[in-house]
């Protein structure tokens, strides 16, 4: 099995995401807010996949010793650097998650669900209990639960699969579709921080992080067919969870519109 085999297998799932009807249904400020208030959790949980890879594939303990492949170490540390301490639209250092929260506030979206969730997590010290007890939509709970099951219990190549095919390889094209909709439907609303966030991710993932992540998968799997099969299975599930999340947000938009009408 090879990268091309995986890409061929997951192509139908990626197509569903790129052509999802959700994007066209985000046409008013309240609909935009609803999308952002749910999507922010996917922005946040991405960092745990990345940190899980950093823990597995680089040395994060003392005393330090060289671990694994230097190219893979570079990839992980480079992405951590960009995700945790990138330059925001004001030229200041900020994580992408914090950029997203600022962008939400600029649009008038509510960030209290996200910040409240983090406060509950700080109190419980257990992500699975926090997810279960939250008032989040069930498909968002399922999305988060899958992420953290992979991050905590996955083998390195399985974490890399969710990270690469569920996020880095998917995001440039998916975010491009979202960006087109925002620019078309909100020409007069100030979305400068939000547009910057999406444009920055497209730039980084398309040109640098995506291709490097694919190489990481090849290095981790090598000629081990069982590892390739596990990568394929995790990749499909990751995309299915994203599709279910998009479906859930689309349903929420429909229900909100029905109430308003």
Protein backbone atom coordinates (compact mmCIF):
# COMPACT_ATOMS: atom_id res chain seq x y z
CA UNK A 1 0.00 0.00 0.00
CA UNK A 2 1.17 3.57 -0.70
CA UNK A 3 0.14 7.19 -0.18
CA UNK A 4 -1.56 7.11 -3.60
CA UNK A 5 -3.61 4.09 -2.51
CA UNK A 6 -4.77 5.88 0.63
CA UNK A 7 -5.58 9.04 -1.31
CA UNK A 8 -7.64 7.03 -3.79
CA UNK A 9 -9.56 5.30 -0.99
CA UNK A 10 -10.40 8.49 0.91
CA UNK A 11 -11.14 10.60 -2.20
CA UNK A 12 -14.95 10.03 -1.99
CA UNK A 13 -14.97 11.20 1.64
CA UNK A 14 -12.91 14.28 0.83
CA UNK A 15 -15.24 15.01 -2.09
CA UNK A 16 -18.21 14.98 0.29
CA UNK A 17 -16.48 17.52 2.48
CA UNK A 18 -15.39 19.78 -0.37
CA UNK A 19 -18.89 19.78 -1.85
CA UNK A 20 -20.80 19.85 1.42
CA UNK A 21 -24.00 21.95 1.28
CA UNK A 22 -23.18 23.48 4.67
CA UNK A 23 -20.97 26.20 3.18
CA UNK A 24 -23.70 27.68 1.00
CA UNK A 25 -26.07 27.83 3.98
CA UNK A 26 -23.90 30.21 5.99
CA UNK A 27 -25.43 33.41 4.68
CA UNK A 28 -26.31 35.59 7.68
CA UNK A 29 -24.31 36.81 10.70
CA UNK A 30 -26.25 34.50 13.05
CA UNK A 31 -25.53 31.51 10.79
CA UNK A 32 -21.87 32.47 10.66
CA UNK A 33 -21.79 32.67 14.46
CA UNK A 34 -23.33 29.22 14.81
CA UNK A 35 -20.74 27.74 12.45
CA UNK A 36 -17.83 29.40 14.24
CA UNK A 37 -19.09 28.44 17.70
CA UNK A 38 -19.01 24.76 16.73
CA UNK A 39 -15.99 24.73 14.42
CA UNK A 40 -13.78 26.34 17.07
CA UNK A 41 -13.66 22.98 18.89
CA UNK A 42 -12.03 21.40 15.81
CA UNK A 43 -9.54 24.26 15.75
CA UNK A 44 -8.72 23.58 19.40
CA UNK A 45 -8.52 19.77 19.42
CA UNK A 46 -6.13 19.76 16.46
CA UNK A 47 -3.37 20.85 18.84
CA UNK A 48 -3.74 17.67 20.90
CA UNK A 49 -3.12 15.50 17.83
CA UNK A 50 -0.06 17.59 17.09
CA UNK A 51 1.20 17.42 20.67
CA UNK A 52 0.61 13.66 20.75
CA UNK A 53 2.84 13.35 17.69
CA UNK A 54 5.44 15.60 19.30
CA UNK A 55 5.45 13.36 22.40
CA UNK A 56 5.71 10.18 20.31
CA UNK A 57 8.16 11.24 17.61
CA UNK A 58 10.47 13.72 19.34
CA UNK A 59 12.06 13.85 22.76
CA UNK A 60 9.98 15.94 25.17
CA UNK A 61 11.55 14.63 28.39
CA UNK A 62 14.75 15.28 30.33
CA UNK A 63 17.49 14.22 29.79
CA UNK A 64 17.16 14.77 26.06
CA UNK A 65 18.19 12.08 23.56
CA UNK A 66 17.70 12.09 19.78
CA UNK A 67 14.51 10.22 18.86
CA UNK A 68 13.38 8.90 15.49
CA UNK A 69 13.89 10.46 12.09
CA UNK A 70 15.33 14.01 12.00
CA UNK A 71 13.02 14.95 9.11
CA UNK A 72 9.99 13.88 11.11
CA UNK A 73 11.26 15.77 14.17
CA UNK A 74 11.64 18.86 12.02
CA UNK A 75 8.13 18.53 10.62
CA UNK A 76 6.51 18.20 14.04
CA UNK A 77 8.52 20.97 15.66
CA UNK A 78 7.97 23.28 12.67
CA UNK A 79 4.19 22.80 12.84
CA UNK A 80 4.16 23.26 16.62
CA UNK A 81 6.08 26.51 16.16
CA UNK A 82 3.58 27.79 13.59
CA UNK A 83 0.48 26.61 15.45
CA UNK A 84 1.48 27.86 18.90
CA UNK A 85 3.37 31.05 18.06
CA UNK A 86 2.52 32.28 14.56
CA UNK A 87 2.23 35.95 13.55
CA UNK A 88 -1.34 37.22 13.69
CA UNK A 89 -2.92 39.91 11.51
CA UNK A 90 -1.53 42.60 13.85
CA UNK A 91 2.02 41.31 13.55
CA UNK A 92 1.99 39.81 17.05
CA UNK A 93 2.81 36.28 18.22
CA UNK A 94 -0.27 34.19 18.88
CA UNK A 95 -1.49 30.60 18.56
CA UNK A 96 -3.91 29.80 15.76
CA UNK A 97 -6.53 28.86 18.34
CA UNK A 98 -6.23 32.27 19.97
CA UNK A 99 -6.41 33.90 16.54
CA UNK A 100 -9.66 32.05 15.92
CA UNK A 101 -11.14 33.20 19.24
CA UNK A 102 -10.22 36.80 18.40
CA UNK A 103 -11.78 36.39 14.95
CA UNK A 104 -14.96 35.06 16.53
CA UNK A 105 -15.17 38.07 18.82
CA UNK A 106 -14.62 40.40 15.86
CA UNK A 107 -17.67 38.90 14.13
CA UNK A 108 -19.79 39.00 17.28
CA UNK A 109 -19.79 35.23 17.81
CA UNK A 110 -19.97 33.81 21.34
CA UNK A 111 -16.75 32.30 22.70
CA UNK A 112 -18.18 31.34 26.11
CA UNK A 113 -18.97 27.73 25.16
CA UNK A 114 -15.35 27.17 24.21
CA UNK A 115 -13.81 29.00 27.16
CA UNK A 116 -16.32 27.41 29.53
CA UNK A 117 -15.43 23.98 28.17
CA UNK A 118 -11.75 24.66 28.87
CA UNK A 119 -12.59 25.80 32.40
CA UNK A 120 -14.53 22.56 32.97
CA UNK A 121 -11.56 20.60 31.62
CA UNK A 122 -9.22 22.40 34.01
CA UNK A 123 -11.52 21.39 36.85
CA UNK A 124 -12.15 17.76 35.86
CA UNK A 125 -8.63 17.00 34.56
CA UNK A 126 -10.25 14.39 32.30
CA UNK A 127 -11.09 15.24 28.71
CA UNK A 128 -13.49 12.32 28.24
CA UNK A 129 -15.54 13.25 31.32
CA UNK A 130 -15.58 16.88 30.21
CA UNK A 131 -16.85 15.94 26.74
CA UNK A 132 -19.49 13.60 28.15
CA UNK A 133 -20.84 16.15 30.66
CA UNK A 134 -20.85 19.05 28.19
CA UNK A 135 -23.92 20.37 26.42
CA UNK A 136 -22.26 20.12 23.01
CA UNK A 137 -24.12 18.52 20.06
CA UNK A 138 -23.68 14.72 20.04
CA UNK A 139 -21.80 14.70 16.73
CA UNK A 140 -19.36 17.31 18.02
CA UNK A 141 -18.88 15.17 21.12
CA UNK A 142 -18.21 12.16 18.86
CA UNK A 143 -15.71 14.22 16.84
CA UNK A 144 -13.81 15.29 19.96
CA UNK A 145 -13.94 11.82 21.53
CA UNK A 146 -12.41 10.28 18.40
CA UNK A 147 -9.63 12.89 18.37
CA UNK A 148 -8.64 12.21 21.96
CA UNK A 149 -8.94 8.43 21.69
CA UNK A 150 -6.46 8.58 18.83
CA UNK A 151 -4.22 11.10 20.63
CA UNK A 152 -4.09 9.08 23.87
CA UNK A 153 -4.27 5.49 22.65
CA UNK A 154 -3.24 5.52 18.99
CA UNK A 155 0.03 4.17 17.61
CA UNK A 156 2.31 6.84 16.09
CA UNK A 157 1.25 6.06 12.52
CA UNK A 158 -2.44 6.14 13.54
CA UNK A 159 -2.06 9.56 15.17
CA UNK A 160 -0.20 10.68 12.06
CA UNK A 161 -3.08 9.39 9.90
CA UNK A 162 -5.71 11.42 11.76
CA UNK A 163 -3.39 14.41 11.71
CA UNK A 164 -2.44 14.14 8.03
CA UNK A 165 -5.51 12.86 6.20
CA UNK A 166 -8.09 14.17 8.66
CA UNK A 167 -6.51 17.62 8.90
CA UNK A 168 -3.35 18.77 7.09
CA UNK A 169 -3.99 17.16 3.69
CA UNK A 170 -7.68 18.11 3.78
CA UNK A 171 -7.65 21.64 5.16
CA UNK A 172 -6.27 23.69 2.22
CA UNK A 173 -9.04 22.64 -0.19
CA UNK A 174 -11.76 22.59 2.46
CA UNK A 175 -10.83 26.00 3.84
CA UNK A 176 -10.67 27.38 0.30
CA UNK A 177 -14.32 26.40 -0.17
CA UNK A 178 -15.29 27.97 3.14
CA UNK A 179 -13.34 31.12 2.31
CA UNK A 180 -15.09 31.52 -1.07
CA UNK A 181 -18.45 31.44 0.69
CA UNK A 182 -17.46 33.95 3.37
CA UNK A 183 -16.11 36.42 0.83
CA UNK A 184 -19.25 36.09 -1.32
CA UNK A 185 -21.85 36.23 1.45
CA UNK A 186 -20.30 38.80 3.79
CA UNK A 187 -18.78 41.51 1.54
CA UNK A 188 -19.58 44.32 3.98
CA UNK A 189 -18.93 42.64 7.32
CA UNK A 190 -15.55 42.98 8.96
CA UNK A 191 -14.07 39.50 8.78
CA UNK A 192 -10.44 40.54 8.48
CA UNK A 193 -9.17 38.37 11.34
CA UNK A 194 -11.24 35.38 10.25
CA UNK A 195 -10.14 35.65 6.64
CA UNK A 196 -6.52 35.98 7.79
CA UNK A 197 -6.86 32.80 9.85
CA UNK A 198 -8.18 30.77 6.91
CA UNK A 199 -5.73 32.25 4.40
CA UNK A 200 -2.81 31.59 6.73
CA UNK A 201 -3.81 27.96 7.20
CA UNK A 202 -4.24 27.42 3.47
CA UNK A 203 -0.80 28.90 2.83
CA UNK A 204 1.00 26.85 5.49
CA UNK A 205 -0.72 23.52 4.92
CA UNK A 206 -0.71 23.61 1.12
CA UNK A 207 2.89 24.71 0.63
CA UNK A 208 4.71 23.25 3.61
CA UNK A 209 2.95 21.18 6.25
CA UNK A 210 0.78 19.01 4.00
CA UNK A 211 3.59 17.63 1.80
CA UNK A 212 5.81 17.12 4.86
CA UNK A 213 3.03 15.25 6.68
CA UNK A 214 2.67 12.85 3.75
CA UNK A 215 6.39 12.09 3.95
CA UNK A 216 5.99 11.45 7.67
CA UNK A 217 3.32 8.81 6.94
CA UNK A 218 5.65 7.07 4.48
CA UNK A 219 8.50 7.09 6.99
CA UNK A 220 6.32 5.72 9.79
CA UNK A 221 4.73 2.95 7.72
CA UNK A 222 7.63 1.92 5.50
CA UNK A 223 6.90 -1.51 3.99
CA UNK A 224 4.64 -2.63 6.84
CA UNK A 225 1.30 -3.45 5.20
CA UNK A 226 -0.49 -3.73 8.57
CA UNK A 227 0.48 -0.16 9.43
CA UNK A 228 -0.78 1.05 6.06
CA UNK A 229 -4.11 -0.70 6.67
CA UNK A 230 -4.39 0.97 10.08
CA UNK A 231 -3.58 4.35 8.53
CA UNK A 232 -6.33 3.79 5.98
CA UNK A 233 -8.88 2.84 8.67
CA UNK A 234 -8.11 5.82 10.91
CA UNK A 235 -8.12 8.20 7.94
CA UNK A 236 -11.57 7.06 6.84
CA UNK A 237 -12.96 7.39 10.36
CA UNK A 238 -11.45 10.85 10.76
CA UNK A 239 -13.14 12.03 7.57
CA UNK A 240 -16.43 10.37 8.52
CA UNK A 241 -16.39 12.21 11.85
CA UNK A 242 -15.81 15.52 10.05
CA UNK A 243 -18.68 14.80 7.64
CA UNK A 244 -20.94 14.00 10.60
CA UNK A 245 -19.89 17.24 12.28
CA UNK A 246 -20.67 19.26 9.13
CA UNK A 247 -24.03 17.45 8.85
CA UNK A 248 -24.80 18.32 12.47
CA UNK A 249 -23.99 22.01 11.98
CA UNK A 250 -26.12 22.05 8.84
CA UNK A 251 -29.01 20.60 10.87
CA UNK A 252 -28.53 23.23 13.57
CA UNK A 253 -28.71 25.95 10.90
CA UNK A 254 -31.95 24.46 9.56
CA UNK A 255 -33.48 24.21 13.04
CA UNK A 256 -32.53 27.79 13.83
CA UNK A 257 -34.03 29.02 10.55
CA UNK A 258 -37.24 27.07 11.28
CA UNK A 259 -37.58 28.74 14.68
CA UNK A 260 -37.03 32.20 13.19
CA UNK A 261 -39.65 31.54 10.54
